[in-house]
Amino acid sequence: MSKLGTLGHRLHRGEVSYDFVGKRKIWYGVSILITVVAIVGLVVNGLKLGIEFKGGAVFTTPKAPYSTSQVHDMIAGDTAGHPATIQKLGNGGLRIQVSDISTQTSKEVQGKIAKDLKLAPSKIDAEIVGPSWGKEISKKALQGLIIFLVLVVIYLAIAFEWRMAIAALVALLHDLTITTGVYAIVGFEVTPGTVIGLLTILGYSLYDTVVVFDGLKEATKDITKQNQRTYSELANRSLNGTLVRSINTTVVALLPVAALLFIGGGLLGAGVLNDIALALFVGLTAGAYSSIFIATPIVAELKEREPQMRSLRKRVLAKRKADAVKAKEAVARGEDPEEPSDALPGDDDGEVEDEAAATAGAGVVSPRGQNGTRPRTQPRGGGRGGRGRPSGRRR
């Protein structure tokens, strides 16, 4: 953990930097590949909708000495020709879902299941869900998603700018597509809890993106007043400065979600937790990835198309070329080339240069001598101070 903290400080100070923005085509390719796999899984397998969306019946039994596979074989042929989904509950009971059956048919199925499990019909609780209720849930969920995305775009366009709003929207759609695709591939049932999980992970993803954008906005303020770095370079520096913070936030959020999914749903058999836990786990992971590898590179790419940013890039490249020529000429004269200043206003490098210039006339060694360049000293009485001194031999 101490090493991670040290890395975070070094990233924030710019001592270590990973080129996220410069290698954006690689990240775009990875995201496109994952998204295509998710879409193919969604088209081939489709979403396994729960009875809340399709209608049907849920039968809950008391504690039973049977496994889910045994119950599946015992009730086979007694579910009115519809497949049954069986889950083991924490108290040892069973949750049996049968989709697309009417109220009258559900009573017949309830009696058959009770007989198969050697239970009295009154011991089995039956809950009937109509398909119209599921359609209403789907409609409301879609409306909520659309309203959420519209409000996000408006807020980001006002608080930041429209390019960041577009990048955030692309990142959110990226996370939503991957999460639904994973649901289709894994075959987990889509329930109202899944919808809640999807809306929740969009909020988490947006939070990470806003944190990165806030740092980017601060780093690129008055960017046209300098000629040391381009917008993409400043964006990459800002992203590195908030990298460890984003990772820590995501890891802390993933720990309880992973406990729900792998321990609660996997080891303890609480299958009712799987729907929301899987959505949160996949969505949080995809959200952290998109805020770092997708959102900021898209903003940088859009900003670099502006005339002001193009002009800035030309000035930066021209200055670097001139500095390289000066360094080459200095080497040809046998002098030690001074490193070109790469400091932005307020950086420590600029303060060191000012200090070196201020102490040059006082006979103090320039700090640059500590970095491998040749130290230079100046006479204490140099300059015009010697003109009034009488010449001749000492008395």
Protein backbone atom coordinates (compact mmCIF):
# COMPACT_ATOMS: atom_id res chain seq x y z
CA MET A 1 0.00 0.00 0.00
CA SER A 2 2.91 2.36 0.73
CA LYS A 3 4.27 1.73 -2.76
CA LEU A 4 0.87 2.58 -4.23
CA GLY A 5 0.80 5.80 -2.22
CA THR A 6 4.30 6.70 -3.42
CA LEU A 7 3.27 5.99 -6.99
CA GLY A 8 0.24 8.23 -6.56
CA HIS A 9 2.42 11.14 -5.38
CA ARG A 10 4.85 10.63 -8.26
CA LEU A 11 2.00 10.53 -10.76
CA HIS A 12 0.50 13.70 -9.29
CA ARG A 13 3.84 15.55 -9.47
CA GLY A 14 4.47 14.37 -13.03
CA GLU A 15 7.55 12.30 -12.18
CA VAL A 16 5.90 9.20 -13.64
CA SER A 17 3.49 9.30 -16.56
CA TYR A 18 1.64 6.72 -18.63
CA ASP A 19 0.63 7.73 -22.12
CA PHE A 20 -3.12 7.04 -22.01
CA VAL A 21 -4.07 9.76 -24.49
CA GLY A 22 -1.27 9.10 -26.98
CA LYS A 23 -2.16 5.40 -27.20
CA ARG A 24 -5.90 6.01 -27.42
CA LYS A 25 -6.28 3.93 -30.60
CA ILE A 26 -5.24 0.85 -28.64
CA TRP A 27 -7.85 1.52 -25.95
CA TYR A 28 -10.49 2.24 -28.58
CA GLY A 29 -9.70 -1.10 -30.20
CA VAL A 30 -9.99 -2.97 -26.89
CA SER A 31 -13.33 -1.31 -26.12
CA ILE A 32 -14.70 -2.00 -29.59
CA LEU A 33 -13.70 -5.67 -29.30
CA ILE A 34 -15.37 -6.07 -25.90
CA THR A 35 -18.46 -4.21 -27.08
CA VAL A 36 -18.78 -6.38 -30.20
CA VAL A 37 -18.53 -9.54 -28.08
CA ALA A 38 -21.22 -8.18 -25.76
CA ILE A 39 -23.53 -7.30 -28.67
CA VAL A 40 -23.03 -10.74 -30.26
CA GLY A 41 -23.86 -12.41 -26.95
CA LEU A 42 -26.93 -10.22 -26.64
CA VAL A 43 -28.13 -11.08 -30.16
CA VAL A 44 -27.39 -14.81 -29.93
CA ASN A 45 -28.50 -15.56 -26.37
CA GLY A 46 -30.83 -12.68 -25.65
CA LEU A 47 -31.73 -11.52 -22.17
CA LYS A 48 -33.29 -14.00 -19.79
CA LEU A 49 -36.18 -11.94 -18.49
CA GLY A 50 -37.64 -12.71 -15.10
CA ILE A 51 -41.30 -13.25 -14.43
CA GLU A 52 -41.61 -9.59 -13.47
CA PHE A 53 -41.23 -8.82 -17.18
CA LYS A 54 -42.85 -11.88 -18.78
CA GLY A 55 -45.43 -12.81 -16.17
CA GLY A 56 -45.73 -16.15 -14.37
CA ALA A 57 -45.68 -17.64 -10.90
CA VAL A 58 -43.18 -17.92 -8.06
CA PHE A 59 -43.47 -20.85 -5.64
CA THR A 60 -41.61 -20.66 -2.33
CA THR A 61 -41.23 -23.80 -0.25
CA PRO A 62 -40.10 -24.32 3.36
CA LYS A 63 -36.78 -25.94 4.16
CA ALA A 64 -36.32 -29.01 1.97
CA PRO A 65 -33.59 -31.70 1.96
CA TYR A 66 -33.12 -31.49 -1.81
CA SER A 67 -30.60 -29.78 -4.06
CA THR A 68 -31.66 -27.64 -6.99
CA SER A 69 -30.71 -30.34 -9.49
CA GLN A 70 -32.76 -32.95 -7.62
CA VAL A 71 -35.78 -30.67 -7.51
CA HIS A 72 -35.41 -29.94 -11.21
CA ASP A 73 -35.62 -33.68 -11.97
CA MET A 74 -38.48 -34.23 -9.50
CA ILE A 75 -40.78 -31.55 -10.94
CA ALA A 76 -39.88 -32.15 -14.60
CA GLY A 77 -43.07 -32.49 -16.63
CA ASP A 78 -45.23 -30.86 -13.93
CA THR A 79 -44.69 -27.20 -14.89
CA ALA A 80 -47.28 -26.99 -17.69
CA GLY A 81 -44.64 -27.31 -20.38
CA HIS A 82 -42.70 -24.21 -19.28
CA PRO A 83 -39.11 -24.21 -18.01
CA ALA A 84 -38.60 -23.69 -14.28
CA THR A 85 -35.88 -21.68 -12.59
CA ILE A 86 -34.93 -23.07 -9.18
CA GLN A 87 -32.91 -21.27 -6.52
CA LYS A 88 -31.85 -22.34 -3.05
CA LEU A 89 -32.71 -19.81 -0.36
CA GLY A 90 -30.65 -18.97 2.71
CA ASN A 91 -33.08 -20.71 5.09
CA GLY A 92 -32.87 -23.97 3.13
CA GLY A 93 -36.11 -23.40 1.24
CA LEU A 94 -36.61 -23.33 -2.51
CA ARG A 95 -37.71 -20.63 -4.92
CA ILE A 96 -39.27 -22.07 -8.08
CA GLN A 97 -40.14 -19.71 -10.92
CA VAL A 98 -42.35 -20.74 -13.82
CA SER A 99 -42.91 -18.17 -16.55
CA ASP A 100 -45.84 -17.53 -18.88
CA ILE A 101 -48.56 -19.35 -16.94
CA SER A 102 -52.00 -18.09 -15.99
CA THR A 103 -53.55 -17.94 -12.53
CA GLN A 104 -55.59 -21.12 -13.06
CA THR A 105 -52.60 -23.02 -14.43
CA SER A 106 -50.44 -21.86 -11.51
CA LYS A 107 -52.83 -23.51 -9.04
CA GLU A 108 -52.52 -26.80 -10.88
CA VAL A 109 -48.71 -26.51 -10.99
CA GLN A 110 -48.64 -25.67 -7.28
CA GLY A 111 -50.48 -28.89 -6.44
CA LYS A 112 -48.18 -30.99 -8.61
CA ILE A 113 -45.03 -29.45 -7.13
CA ALA A 114 -46.32 -30.05 -3.61
CA LYS A 115 -46.97 -33.68 -4.46
CA ASP A 116 -43.52 -34.10 -6.04
CA LEU A 117 -41.79 -32.62 -3.00
CA LYS A 118 -44.06 -34.49 -0.57
CA LEU A 119 -45.43 -31.28 0.92
CA ALA A 120 -48.92 -30.04 1.63
CA PRO A 121 -50.10 -27.47 -0.97
CA SER A 122 -50.72 -24.98 1.82
CA LYS A 123 -47.01 -25.13 2.73
CA ILE A 124 -46.07 -23.65 -0.63
CA ASP A 125 -46.52 -19.91 -1.09
CA ALA A 126 -47.54 -18.90 -4.61
CA GLU A 127 -47.12 -15.42 -6.07
CA ILE A 128 -48.67 -14.60 -9.45
CA VAL A 129 -47.27 -11.83 -11.61
CA GLY A 130 -49.10 -10.65 -14.70
CA PRO A 131 -47.21 -9.75 -17.90
CA SER A 132 -48.81 -6.30 -18.05
CA TRP A 133 -47.07 -5.38 -14.79
CA GLY A 134 -43.73 -6.42 -16.28
CA LYS A 135 -44.33 -4.30 -19.38
CA GLU A 136 -45.04 -1.30 -17.18
CA ILE A 137 -41.75 -1.86 -15.31
CA SER A 138 -39.85 -2.07 -18.60
CA LYS A 139 -41.45 1.13 -19.83
CA LYS A 140 -40.68 3.04 -16.64
CA ALA A 141 -37.10 1.75 -16.56
CA LEU A 142 -36.50 2.88 -20.15
CA GLN A 143 -38.00 6.29 -19.42
CA GLY A 144 -35.80 6.66 -16.35
CA LEU A 145 -32.69 5.75 -18.35
CA ILE A 146 -33.45 8.26 -21.10
CA ILE A 147 -34.17 11.04 -18.59
CA PHE A 148 -30.95 10.22 -16.74
CA LEU A 149 -28.82 10.42 -19.91
CA VAL A 150 -30.43 13.69 -21.04
CA LEU A 151 -29.87 15.33 -17.65
CA VAL A 152 -26.26 14.12 -17.59
CA VAL A 153 -25.52 15.64 -21.00
CA ILE A 154 -27.14 18.97 -20.05
CA TYR A 155 -25.29 19.17 -16.73
CA LEU A 156 -21.87 18.37 -18.20
CA ALA A 157 -22.40 20.79 -21.10
CA ILE A 158 -23.13 23.58 -18.60
CA ALA A 159 -20.57 22.70 -15.92
CA PHE A 160 -17.76 21.82 -18.35
CA GLU A 161 -18.34 21.90 -22.11
CA TRP A 162 -20.21 20.01 -24.82
CA ARG A 163 -17.17 17.92 -25.81
CA MET A 164 -16.95 16.51 -22.31
CA ALA A 165 -20.69 15.88 -22.35
CA ILE A 166 -20.33 13.83 -25.54
CA ALA A 167 -17.38 11.89 -24.13
CA ALA A 168 -19.27 11.11 -20.92
CA LEU A 169 -22.32 9.95 -22.89
CA VAL A 170 -20.17 7.61 -25.01
CA ALA A 171 -18.59 6.21 -21.84
CA LEU A 172 -21.99 5.61 -20.22
CA LEU A 173 -23.36 3.82 -23.30
CA HIS A 174 -20.15 1.79 -23.40
CA ASP A 175 -20.67 0.64 -19.79
CA LEU A 176 -24.37 -0.09 -20.33
CA THR A 177 -23.74 -2.18 -23.46
CA ILE A 178 -21.00 -4.26 -21.85
CA THR A 179 -23.06 -4.92 -18.72
CA THR A 180 -26.16 -6.07 -20.62
CA GLY A 181 -23.97 -8.17 -22.92
CA VAL A 182 -22.39 -9.95 -19.95
CA TYR A 183 -25.88 -10.65 -18.60
CA ALA A 184 -26.81 -12.28 -21.90
CA ILE A 185 -23.61 -14.36 -22.05
CA VAL A 186 -23.75 -15.53 -18.42
CA GLY A 187 -27.50 -16.20 -18.59
CA PHE A 188 -28.44 -14.49 -15.35
CA GLU A 189 -32.06 -13.51 -14.99
CA VAL A 190 -33.01 -9.89 -15.54
CA THR A 191 -35.14 -8.64 -12.66
CA PRO A 192 -36.11 -5.21 -11.29
CA GLY A 193 -32.97 -5.52 -9.15
CA THR A 194 -30.96 -5.68 -12.37
CA VAL A 195 -32.52 -2.42 -13.55
CA ILE A 196 -31.66 -0.79 -10.23
CA GLY A 197 -28.09 -2.06 -10.56
CA LEU A 198 -27.75 -0.65 -14.09
CA LEU A 199 -28.93 2.80 -13.03
CA THR A 200 -26.60 2.66 -10.03
CA ILE A 201 -23.49 1.81 -12.03
CA LEU A 202 -24.23 4.66 -14.42
CA GLY A 203 -24.04 6.99 -11.44
CA TYR A 204 -20.72 5.50 -10.31
CA SER A 205 -19.30 5.70 -13.83
CA LEU A 206 -20.38 9.32 -14.13
CA TYR A 207 -18.74 10.12 -10.79
CA ASP A 208 -15.36 8.79 -11.95
CA THR A 209 -15.66 10.68 -15.22
CA VAL A 210 -16.54 13.97 -13.52
CA VAL A 211 -13.55 13.64 -11.17
CA VAL A 212 -11.22 13.23 -14.16
CA PHE A 213 -12.89 16.07 -16.09
CA ASP A 214 -12.61 18.43 -13.12
CA GLY A 215 -8.86 17.89 -12.96
CA LEU A 216 -8.62 18.29 -16.73
CA LYS A 217 -10.52 21.57 -16.63
CA GLU A 218 -8.18 22.94 -13.99
CA ALA A 219 -5.03 21.77 -15.78
CA THR A 220 -6.00 23.31 -19.14
CA LYS A 221 -7.04 26.69 -17.78
CA ASP A 222 -5.21 29.45 -19.71
CA ILE A 223 -3.64 26.78 -21.89
CA THR A 224 -3.12 29.15 -24.85
CA LYS A 225 -0.88 31.43 -22.74
CA GLN A 226 1.95 28.89 -22.73
CA ASN A 227 3.87 27.05 -25.43
CA GLN A 228 5.30 24.13 -23.49
CA ARG A 229 2.63 21.45 -23.88
CA THR A 230 -0.26 20.61 -26.20
CA TYR A 231 -3.81 19.94 -25.00
CA SER A 232 -3.34 16.18 -25.31
CA GLU A 233 -0.18 16.29 -23.22
CA LEU A 234 -1.87 18.34 -20.49
CA ALA A 235 -4.88 16.02 -20.59
CA ASN A 236 -2.61 13.01 -20.15
CA ARG A 237 -0.80 14.70 -17.26
CA SER A 238 -4.10 15.51 -15.57
CA LEU A 239 -5.32 11.94 -16.05
CA ASN A 240 -2.17 10.56 -14.46
CA GLY A 241 -2.67 12.92 -11.52
CA THR A 242 -6.11 11.47 -10.73
CA LEU A 243 -5.32 7.87 -11.72
CA VAL A 244 -4.67 6.43 -8.26
CA ARG A 245 -7.69 8.24 -6.83
CA SER A 246 -9.94 6.67 -9.46
CA ILE A 247 -8.48 3.22 -8.86
CA ASN A 248 -8.87 3.49 -5.08
CA THR A 249 -12.49 4.65 -5.40
CA THR A 250 -13.34 1.75 -7.70
CA VAL A 251 -11.61 -0.89 -5.56
CA VAL A 252 -13.36 0.28 -2.40
CA ALA A 253 -16.73 0.12 -4.19
CA LEU A 254 -15.99 -3.31 -5.71
CA LEU A 255 -15.11 -5.04 -2.43
CA PRO A 256 -18.65 -5.20 -0.96
CA VAL A 257 -20.14 -5.92 -4.39
CA ALA A 258 -17.72 -8.82 -4.90
CA ALA A 259 -18.70 -10.15 -1.47
CA LEU A 260 -22.38 -10.12 -2.49
CA LEU A 261 -21.70 -11.81 -5.82
CA PHE A 262 -19.07 -14.43 -5.03
CA ILE A 263 -19.67 -15.15 -1.35
CA GLY A 264 -23.35 -14.38 -0.90
CA GLY A 265 -24.54 -15.65 -4.28
CA GLY A 266 -21.86 -18.24 -5.02
CA LEU A 267 -20.77 -19.84 -1.75
CA LEU A 268 -23.83 -19.24 0.42
CA GLY A 269 -26.35 -19.86 -2.35
CA ALA A 270 -28.29 -16.62 -2.00
CA GLY A 271 -29.18 -16.55 -5.69
CA VAL A 272 -31.56 -13.61 -5.34
CA LEU A 273 -28.47 -11.39 -4.86
CA ASN A 274 -26.92 -12.34 -8.18
CA ASP A 275 -29.04 -10.08 -10.36
CA ILE A 276 -28.07 -6.78 -8.75
CA ALA A 277 -24.55 -7.87 -7.69
CA LEU A 278 -23.51 -8.89 -11.21
CA ALA A 279 -24.76 -5.61 -12.69
CA LEU A 280 -22.84 -3.61 -10.08
CA PHE A 281 -19.64 -5.64 -10.40
CA VAL A 282 -19.44 -5.52 -14.20
CA GLY A 283 -20.67 -1.95 -14.40
CA LEU A 284 -18.22 -0.57 -11.83
CA THR A 285 -15.30 -2.26 -13.58
CA ALA A 286 -16.39 -1.03 -17.02
CA GLY A 287 -17.02 2.46 -15.60
CA ALA A 288 -13.51 2.75 -14.17
CA TYR A 289 -12.07 1.62 -17.50
CA SER A 290 -14.17 4.01 -19.59
CA SER A 291 -13.44 7.08 -17.45
CA ILE A 292 -9.68 6.54 -17.86
CA PHE A 293 -9.26 4.97 -21.29
CA ILE A 294 -12.28 6.30 -23.20
CA ALA A 295 -13.69 9.59 -21.89
CA THR A 296 -10.51 11.67 -21.57
CA PRO A 297 -8.95 10.51 -24.88
CA ILE A 298 -12.19 11.40 -26.68
CA VAL A 299 -12.17 14.89 -25.14
CA ALA A 300 -8.53 15.38 -26.14
CA GLU A 301 -9.22 14.24 -29.69
CA LEU A 302 -12.18 16.62 -30.05
CA LYS A 303 -10.29 19.56 -28.53
CA GLU A 304 -7.27 19.07 -30.79
CA ARG A 305 -9.53 19.84 -33.77
CA GLU A 306 -10.15 23.39 -32.57
CA PRO A 307 -8.23 26.15 -34.42
CA GLN A 308 -6.75 27.46 -31.15
CA MET A 309 -5.47 24.02 -30.17
CA ARG A 310 -4.03 23.47 -33.65
CA SER A 311 -2.21 26.79 -33.40
CA LEU A 312 -0.95 25.85 -29.94
CA ARG A 313 0.36 22.53 -31.23
CA LYS A 314 2.27 24.32 -34.01
CA ARG A 315 3.84 26.72 -31.50
CA VAL A 316 4.83 23.91 -29.16
CA LEU A 317 6.41 21.86 -31.94
CA ALA A 318 8.20 24.95 -33.34
CA LYS A 319 9.66 25.79 -29.93
CA ARG A 320 10.84 22.24 -29.38
CA LYS A 321 12.48 22.24 -32.80
CA ALA A 322 14.24 25.53 -32.03
CA ASP A 323 15.41 24.20 -28.65
CA ALA A 324 16.78 21.10 -30.36
CA VAL A 325 18.70 23.23 -32.87
CA LYS A 326 20.18 25.37 -30.08
CA ALA A 327 21.21 22.27 -28.17
CA LYS A 328 22.86 20.83 -31.27
CA GLU A 329 24.79 24.05 -31.91
CA ALA A 330 25.93 24.13 -28.29
CA VAL A 331 27.26 20.60 -28.58
CA ALA A 332 29.11 21.56 -31.78
CA ARG A 333 30.82 24.44 -29.90
CA GLY A 334 31.86 22.05 -27.17
CA GLU A 335 29.51 23.51 -24.61
CA ASP A 336 27.08 21.75 -22.37
CA PRO A 337 23.59 22.29 -23.82
CA GLU A 338 21.15 23.56 -21.28
CA GLU A 339 17.96 21.56 -21.02
CA PRO A 340 14.98 23.47 -22.42
CA SER A 341 12.51 24.56 -19.79
CA ASP A 342 9.50 22.24 -19.74
CA ALA A 343 7.83 23.98 -16.83
CA LEU A 344 4.38 25.38 -16.78
CA PRO A 345 3.57 28.55 -14.86
CA GLY A 346 3.88 27.71 -11.17
CA ASP A 347 6.04 24.59 -11.63
CA ASP A 348 9.11 24.06 -9.46
CA ASP A 349 11.42 24.01 -12.51
CA GLY A 350 10.65 27.63 -13.29
CA GLU A 351 11.35 28.61 -9.69
CA VAL A 352 14.77 26.93 -9.85
CA GLU A 353 15.68 28.90 -12.98
CA ASP A 354 14.62 32.16 -11.35
CA GLU A 355 16.71 31.32 -8.30
CA ALA A 356 19.72 30.51 -10.47
CA ALA A 357 19.39 33.82 -12.32
CA ALA A 358 19.02 35.77 -9.08
CA THR A 359 22.12 34.24 -7.47
CA ALA A 360 24.35 34.33 -10.56
CA GLY A 361 25.78 37.74 -9.70
CA ALA A 362 26.56 36.84 -6.10
CA GLY A 363 29.17 34.18 -6.79
CA VAL A 364 26.82 31.29 -6.00
CA VAL A 365 26.96 28.07 -7.99
CA SER A 366 23.89 27.60 -10.14
CA PRO A 367 21.70 24.68 -9.04
CA ARG A 368 22.02 23.29 -12.55
CA GLY A 369 25.49 22.14 -11.67
CA GLN A 370 23.91 19.51 -9.45
CA ASN A 371 22.15 17.99 -12.48
CA GLY A 372 25.26 17.18 -14.46
CA THR A 373 25.81 20.51 -16.30
CA ARG A 374 28.94 22.59 -15.85
CA PRO A 375 28.69 24.94 -12.84
CA ARG A 376 29.52 28.58 -13.48
CA THR A 377 30.59 31.20 -10.98
CA GLN A 378 30.65 34.96 -11.29
CA PRO A 379 33.10 37.31 -9.59
CA ARG A 380 31.61 39.06 -6.62
CA GLY A 381 32.68 42.48 -7.87
CA GLY A 382 31.98 41.93 -11.56
CA GLY A 383 30.18 44.31 -13.87
CA ARG A 384 30.32 48.03 -13.53
CA GLY A 385 31.22 47.82 -9.87
CA GLY A 386 34.96 47.75 -10.75
CA ARG A 387 35.06 50.96 -12.75
CA GLY A 388 35.57 53.22 -9.72
CA ARG A 389 38.35 51.12 -8.24
CA PRO A 390 41.82 52.81 -8.55
CA SER A 391 44.38 50.88 -10.61
CA GLY A 392 48.06 50.45 -9.79
CA ARG A 393 50.16 48.71 -7.23
CA ARG A 394 48.97 48.18 -3.72
CA ARG A 395 50.24 50.44 -1.03
